Protein backbone atom coordinates (compact mmCIF):
# COMPACT_ATOMS: atom_id res chain seq x y z
CA MET A 1 75.02 105.45 120.68
CA LYS A 2 73.97 101.78 120.60
CA THR A 3 72.27 102.37 117.26
CA LEU A 4 75.46 103.88 115.81
CA LEU A 5 77.52 100.95 117.10
CA LEU A 6 75.06 98.44 115.68
CA ALA A 7 74.98 100.22 112.31
CA SER A 8 78.78 100.28 112.20
CA THR A 9 78.96 96.58 113.02
CA ILE A 10 76.44 95.72 110.31
CA ALA A 11 78.30 97.86 107.75
CA LEU A 12 81.65 96.24 108.59
CA THR A 13 80.15 92.76 108.41
CA ALA A 14 78.55 93.51 105.05
CA SER A 15 81.76 94.92 103.62
CA ALA A 16 83.80 91.95 104.91
CA GLN A 17 81.45 89.58 103.12
CA THR A 18 82.04 91.29 99.78
CA LEU A 19 85.78 90.56 99.73
CA THR A 20 86.77 88.66 96.62
CA THR A 21 89.84 86.66 95.76
CA THR A 22 90.96 89.50 93.49
CA THR A 23 90.60 92.04 96.30
CA ILE A 24 92.53 89.86 98.72
CA GLN A 25 95.29 89.21 96.18
CA ARG A 26 95.52 92.93 95.45
CA TYR A 27 96.47 93.38 99.12
CA PHE A 28 98.51 90.22 99.62
CA ASN A 29 100.71 90.15 96.51
CA PRO A 30 102.52 93.49 97.10
CA VAL A 31 102.99 92.65 100.79
CA ARG A 32 104.44 89.25 99.90
CA ALA A 33 106.70 90.80 97.25
CA ASN A 34 108.04 93.35 99.75
CA ILE A 35 108.74 90.69 102.39
CA GLU A 36 110.46 88.43 99.85
CA ALA A 37 112.55 91.32 98.50
CA ALA A 38 113.62 92.33 102.00
CA ALA A 39 114.55 88.73 102.85
CA GLU A 40 116.63 88.41 99.67
CA ALA A 41 118.32 91.80 100.08
CA MET A 42 119.49 91.16 103.66
CA PRO A 43 122.57 88.92 103.88
CA ALA A 44 121.86 85.78 105.95
CA GLU A 45 124.54 86.68 108.51
CA LYS A 46 122.66 89.93 109.25
CA TYR A 47 119.29 88.31 110.11
CA GLY A 48 120.11 88.87 113.80
CA PHE A 49 120.39 92.67 113.25
CA LYS A 50 118.32 94.90 115.56
CA LEU A 51 117.99 98.68 115.30
CA THR A 52 117.73 98.82 119.10
CA PRO A 53 118.17 96.06 121.71
CA ASP A 54 114.44 96.02 122.55
CA GLN A 55 113.27 95.45 118.97
CA MET A 56 112.81 92.21 117.05
CA SER A 57 115.74 91.11 114.95
CA PHE A 58 115.33 91.20 111.19
CA GLY A 59 114.83 87.43 111.15
CA GLU A 60 112.23 87.63 113.92
CA TRP A 61 110.44 90.37 111.98
CA LEU A 62 110.36 88.15 108.88
CA LEU A 63 108.85 85.27 110.86
CA HIS A 64 106.33 87.63 112.46
CA SER A 65 105.34 89.04 109.05
CA VAL A 66 104.93 85.61 107.46
CA GLU A 67 102.87 84.34 110.40
CA ARG A 68 100.70 87.47 110.29
CA ASN A 69 100.06 86.97 106.58
CA TYR A 70 99.02 83.36 107.17
CA LEU A 71 96.66 84.48 109.94
CA ASP A 72 95.18 87.31 107.87
CA CYS A 73 94.67 85.23 104.73
CA ALA A 74 93.20 82.28 106.62
CA GLY A 75 90.82 84.65 108.42
CA LEU A 76 89.75 86.28 105.18
CA LYS A 77 89.09 82.88 103.66
CA GLY A 78 87.24 81.70 106.77
CA GLU A 79 89.71 78.86 107.30
CA PRO A 80 91.89 77.82 110.23
CA THR A 81 95.50 78.98 110.18
CA PRO A 82 97.47 76.47 108.08
CA TYR A 83 100.74 76.80 110.00
CA SER A 84 101.73 77.53 113.58
CA ALA A 85 104.57 79.93 114.43
CA LYS A 86 106.88 76.97 115.09
CA GLN A 87 106.07 75.47 111.70
CA VAL A 88 106.67 78.81 109.96
CA ALA A 89 110.06 79.10 111.69
CA GLY A 90 110.99 75.71 110.25
CA ILE A 91 110.21 76.65 106.65
């Protein structure tokens, strides 16, 4: 079992090191386009909309998605996160 876990860890590490800018952009660009399209399609006065009371509002979901993209991209590039959640909210 330990051998299988070690082999899996090595394989994941090796595959993570082979990520290229093109590969990352292939993931990031459609995600960014979808988030931007959703933000533009929703009227500003509806950013507080929630499907259910316990869910994030549309505006909160946008902030969460943007922050997640910053975290993911910074991690893939091996860099610290460029913006905090408070800074993203101010953009």
